[in-house]
């Protein structure tokens, strides 16, 4: 069964600032509290086809940047390899400027299938420890800058 998760929030800086950080595909560990380190494995530039590895305390993922659209503040990536029980994992991050007060609306969508014995628990873990933690991490990152 395909699992789908969507999380959204507002980040308290301009869309340009948020885009600069998330489009630097290898800098995920700069703002995500669950990432110990992240780096490029292939194509050391923020362009379609780049592959990053994200190492966490409990595992790793290798992700392919499938699409990057700076004009529309949109990127898509998929997991190529993972130590987690995920198949067909794809993700999309969209940013929309909140023009009235120079903030950013962020929406992060993921979909995947899993062989995990408790898919509901894995969905909750990804929602809380990847998506929500990532968005909260972005807010924390920018509040310190």
C-alpha atoms as a PDB file:
ATOM      1  CA  UNK A   1       0.000   0.000   0.000  1.00  0.00           C
ATOM      2  CA  UNK A   2       1.260   3.472  -0.891  1.00  0.00           C
ATOM      3  CA  UNK A   3       1.741   5.723   2.117  1.00  0.00           C
ATOM      4  CA  UNK A   4       1.467   9.501   1.603  1.00  0.00           C
ATOM      5  CA  UNK A   5       2.342  12.235   4.080  1.00  0.00           C
ATOM      6  CA  UNK A   6       2.005  16.009   3.738  1.00  0.00           C
ATOM      7  CA  UNK A   7       3.267  18.553   6.249  1.00  0.00           C
ATOM      8  CA  UNK A   8       3.167  22.336   5.898  1.00  0.00           C
ATOM      9  CA  UNK A   9       4.088  25.358   7.964  1.00  0.00           C
ATOM     10  CA  UNK A  10       5.367  28.917   7.731  1.00  0.00           C
ATOM     11  CA  UNK A  11       9.053  29.786   8.051  1.00  0.00           C
ATOM     12  CA  UNK A  12       9.855  33.237   9.373  1.00  0.00           C
ATOM     13  CA  UNK A  13      12.235  34.395   6.621  1.00  0.00           C
ATOM     14  CA  UNK A  14      11.913  35.234   2.938  1.00  0.00           C
ATOM     15  CA  UNK A  15      11.354  32.566   0.308  1.00  0.00           C
ATOM     16  CA  UNK A  16      14.722  33.448  -1.234  1.00  0.00           C
ATOM     17  CA  UNK A  17      16.548  32.653   2.020  1.00  0.00           C
ATOM     18  CA  UNK A  18      14.724  29.350   2.512  1.00  0.00           C
ATOM     19  CA  UNK A  19      15.273  28.392  -1.129  1.00  0.00           C
ATOM     20  CA  UNK A  20      18.991  29.138  -0.889  1.00  0.00           C
ATOM     21  CA  UNK A  21      19.292  26.677   2.007  1.00  0.00           C
ATOM     22  CA  UNK A  22      17.072  23.815   0.788  1.00  0.00           C
ATOM     23  CA  UNK A  23      18.299  23.979  -2.801  1.00  0.00           C
ATOM     24  CA  UNK A  24      21.846  23.469  -1.500  1.00  0.00           C
ATOM     25  CA  UNK A  25      20.958  19.784  -1.608  1.00  0.00           C
ATOM     26  CA  UNK A  26      24.055  18.618   0.272  1.00  0.00           C
ATOM     27  CA  UNK A  27      23.480  20.991   3.227  1.00  0.00           C
ATOM     28  CA  UNK A  28      20.560  19.036   4.721  1.00  0.00           C
ATOM     29  CA  UNK A  29      22.499  18.377   7.933  1.00  0.00           C
ATOM     30  CA  UNK A  30      22.920  22.140   8.476  1.00  0.00           C
ATOM     31  CA  UNK A  31      19.290  22.415   9.534  1.00  0.00           C
ATOM     32  CA  UNK A  32      17.858  18.934  10.083  1.00  0.00           C
ATOM     33  CA  UNK A  33      18.378  17.802  13.692  1.00  0.00           C
ATOM     34  CA  UNK A  34      18.272  14.104  12.750  1.00  0.00           C
ATOM     35  CA  UNK A  35      21.059  14.338  10.178  1.00  0.00           C
ATOM     36  CA  UNK A  36      24.583  13.804  11.472  1.00  0.00           C
ATOM     37  CA  UNK A  37      26.098  14.766   8.116  1.00  0.00           C
ATOM     38  CA  UNK A  38      25.138  15.113   4.468  1.00  0.00           C
ATOM     39  CA  UNK A  39      27.321  15.308   1.385  1.00  0.00           C
ATOM     40  CA  UNK A  40      27.361  14.744  -2.370  1.00  0.00           C
ATOM     41  CA  UNK A  41      28.188  11.339  -3.784  1.00  0.00           C
ATOM     42  CA  UNK A  42      27.734  12.367  -7.407  1.00  0.00           C
ATOM     43  CA  UNK A  43      27.644  15.751  -9.169  1.00  0.00           C
ATOM     44  CA  UNK A  44      28.760  18.251  -6.572  1.00  0.00           C
ATOM     45  CA  UNK A  45      26.319  20.913  -7.703  1.00  0.00           C
ATOM     46  CA  UNK A  46      22.722  21.664  -6.884  1.00  0.00           C
ATOM     47  CA  UNK A  47      21.330  20.360 -10.135  1.00  0.00           C
ATOM     48  CA  UNK A  48      19.075  17.619 -11.365  1.00  0.00           C
ATOM     49  CA  UNK A  49      20.878  14.288 -11.114  1.00  0.00           C
ATOM     50  CA  UNK A  50      22.851  15.196  -7.977  1.00  0.00           C
ATOM     51  CA  UNK A  51      23.026  12.424  -5.397  1.00  0.00           C
ATOM     52  CA  UNK A  52      23.467  13.124  -1.697  1.00  0.00           C
ATOM     53  CA  UNK A  53      24.035  10.822   1.225  1.00  0.00           C
ATOM     54  CA  UNK A  54      22.437  11.716   4.538  1.00  0.00           C
ATOM     55  CA  UNK A  55      23.792   9.911   7.584  1.00  0.00           C
ATOM     56  CA  UNK A  56      21.738   9.734  10.752  1.00  0.00           C
ATOM     57  CA  UNK A  57      22.497   8.140  14.099  1.00  0.00           C
ATOM     58  CA  UNK A  58      20.231   5.203  13.218  1.00  0.00           C
ATOM     59  CA  UNK A  59      20.893   4.757   9.483  1.00  0.00           C
ATOM     60  CA  UNK A  60      21.376   6.449   6.130  1.00  0.00           C
ATOM     61  CA  UNK A  61      19.680   7.400   2.873  1.00  0.00           C
ATOM     62  CA  UNK A  62      21.099   8.145  -0.564  1.00  0.00           C
ATOM     63  CA  UNK A  63      18.851  10.541  -2.456  1.00  0.00           C
ATOM     64  CA  UNK A  64      18.633  11.616  -6.077  1.00  0.00           C
ATOM     65  CA  UNK A  65      17.640  15.197  -6.898  1.00  0.00           C
ATOM     66  CA  UNK A  66      14.993  14.448  -9.531  1.00  0.00           C
ATOM     67  CA  UNK A  67      13.860  17.994 -10.295  1.00  0.00           C
ATOM     68  CA  UNK A  68      14.892  21.459  -9.169  1.00  0.00           C
ATOM     69  CA  UNK A  69      12.948  24.547 -10.244  1.00  0.00           C
ATOM     70  CA  UNK A  70      14.417  27.775  -8.807  1.00  0.00           C
ATOM     71  CA  UNK A  71      11.854  29.969 -10.557  1.00  0.00           C
ATOM     72  CA  UNK A  72       8.963  28.262  -8.758  1.00  0.00           C
ATOM     73  CA  UNK A  73      10.858  27.320  -5.557  1.00  0.00           C
ATOM     74  CA  UNK A  74      10.170  23.624  -6.021  1.00  0.00           C
ATOM     75  CA  UNK A  75      12.301  20.507  -5.766  1.00  0.00           C
ATOM     76  CA  UNK A  76      11.734  16.765  -5.935  1.00  0.00           C
ATOM     77  CA  UNK A  77      13.962  13.942  -4.804  1.00  0.00           C
ATOM     78  CA  UNK A  78      13.791  10.179  -4.395  1.00  0.00           C
ATOM     79  CA  UNK A  79      15.601   7.636  -2.264  1.00  0.00           C
ATOM     80  CA  UNK A  80      17.952   5.369  -4.194  1.00  0.00           C
ATOM     81  CA  UNK A  81      19.330   3.405  -1.214  1.00  0.00           C
ATOM     82  CA  UNK A  82      18.375   3.320   2.418  1.00  0.00           C
ATOM     83  CA  UNK A  83      18.952   1.398   5.618  1.00  0.00           C
ATOM     84  CA  UNK A  84      15.230   1.846   6.316  1.00  0.00           C
ATOM     85  CA  UNK A  85      12.405  -0.393   4.986  1.00  0.00           C
ATOM     86  CA  UNK A  86      11.259   2.037   2.267  1.00  0.00           C
ATOM     87  CA  UNK A  87      10.474   1.413  -1.397  1.00  0.00           C
ATOM     88  CA  UNK A  88       9.611   3.946  -4.082  1.00  0.00           C
ATOM     89  CA  UNK A  89      10.163   6.876  -1.711  1.00  0.00           C
ATOM     90  CA  UNK A  90       9.670  10.186  -3.448  1.00  0.00           C
ATOM     91  CA  UNK A  91       9.472  13.634  -1.919  1.00  0.00           C
ATOM     92  CA  UNK A  92       8.547  17.109  -3.034  1.00  0.00           C
ATOM     93  CA  UNK A  93       9.180  20.434  -1.325  1.00  0.00           C
ATOM     94  CA  UNK A  94       7.309  23.546  -2.448  1.00  0.00           C
ATOM     95  CA  UNK A  95       7.887  27.069  -1.185  1.00  0.00           C
ATOM     96  CA  UNK A  96       5.437  29.939  -1.600  1.00  0.00           C
ATOM     97  CA  UNK A  97       6.230  33.520  -0.580  1.00  0.00           C
ATOM     98  CA  UNK A  98       3.977  35.007   2.090  1.00  0.00           C
ATOM     99  CA  UNK A  99       4.377  38.484   0.663  1.00  0.00           C
ATOM    100  CA  UNK A 100       2.575  40.480   3.325  1.00  0.00           C
ATOM    101  CA  UNK A 101       5.219  39.846   5.957  1.00  0.00           C
ATOM    102  CA  UNK A 102       8.175  38.385   4.012  1.00  0.00           C
ATOM    103  CA  UNK A 103       7.783  34.835   5.314  1.00  0.00           C
ATOM    104  CA  UNK A 104       7.625  31.489   3.496  1.00  0.00           C
ATOM    105  CA  UNK A 105       4.938  28.836   3.295  1.00  0.00           C
ATOM    106  CA  UNK A 106       6.544  25.393   2.978  1.00  0.00           C
ATOM    107  CA  UNK A 107       4.835  22.171   1.974  1.00  0.00           C
ATOM    108  CA  UNK A 108       6.709  18.858   2.106  1.00  0.00           C
ATOM    109  CA  UNK A 109       5.077  15.781   0.581  1.00  0.00           C
ATOM    110  CA  UNK A 110       6.395  12.223   0.615  1.00  0.00           C
ATOM    111  CA  UNK A 111       5.082   8.928  -0.686  1.00  0.00           C
ATOM    112  CA  UNK A 112       6.478   5.411  -0.343  1.00  0.00           C
ATOM    113  CA  UNK A 113       5.680   1.765   0.204  1.00  0.00           C
ATOM    114  CA  UNK A 114       7.141  -0.253   3.043  1.00  0.00           C
ATOM    115  CA  UNK A 115       7.683  -3.771   4.318  1.00  0.00           C
ATOM    116  CA  UNK A 116       7.788  -2.485   7.899  1.00  0.00           C
ATOM    117  CA  UNK A 117       5.722  -4.741  10.216  1.00  0.00           C
ATOM    118  CA  UNK A 118       3.918  -1.655  11.547  1.00  0.00           C
ATOM    119  CA  UNK A 119       3.425   0.782   8.636  1.00  0.00           C
ATOM    120  CA  UNK A 120       1.447   3.196  10.825  1.00  0.00           C
ATOM    121  CA  UNK A 121       4.406   3.531  13.187  1.00  0.00           C
ATOM    122  CA  UNK A 122       6.786   4.176  10.279  1.00  0.00           C
ATOM    123  CA  UNK A 123       4.437   6.817   8.832  1.00  0.00           C
ATOM    124  CA  UNK A 124       4.321   8.566  12.225  1.00  0.00           C
ATOM    125  CA  UNK A 125       8.115   8.334  12.530  1.00  0.00           C
ATOM    126  CA  UNK A 126       8.705   9.866   9.089  1.00  0.00           C
ATOM    127  CA  UNK A 127       6.085  12.552   9.644  1.00  0.00           C
ATOM    128  CA  UNK A 128       7.484  13.570  13.036  1.00  0.00           C
ATOM    129  CA  UNK A 129      11.206  12.827  12.751  1.00  0.00           C
ATOM    130  CA  UNK A 130      11.806  13.761   9.116  1.00  0.00           C
ATOM    131  CA  UNK A 131       9.207  16.255   7.895  1.00  0.00           C
ATOM    132  CA  UNK A 132       8.122  18.132  11.019  1.00  0.00           C
ATOM    133  CA  UNK A 133      11.646  17.975  12.474  1.00  0.00           C
ATOM    134  CA  UNK A 134      13.033  19.301   9.179  1.00  0.00           C
ATOM    135  CA  UNK A 135      10.652  22.241   9.011  1.00  0.00           C
ATOM    136  CA  UNK A 136      11.207  23.042  12.690  1.00  0.00           C
ATOM    137  CA  UNK A 137      14.940  22.731  12.043  1.00  0.00           C
ATOM    138  CA  UNK A 138      14.707  25.294   9.246  1.00  0.00           C
ATOM    139  CA  UNK A 139      12.908  27.724  11.568  1.00  0.00           C
ATOM    140  CA  UNK A 140      15.577  27.138  14.240  1.00  0.00           C
ATOM    141  CA  UNK A 141      18.395  27.542  11.697  1.00  0.00           C
ATOM    142  CA  UNK A 142      17.069  30.908  10.521  1.00  0.00           C
ATOM    143  CA  UNK A 143      16.297  32.164  14.027  1.00  0.00           C
ATOM    144  CA  UNK A 144      20.021  31.724  14.848  1.00  0.00           C
ATOM    145  CA  UNK A 145      21.270  33.526  11.703  1.00  0.00           C
END
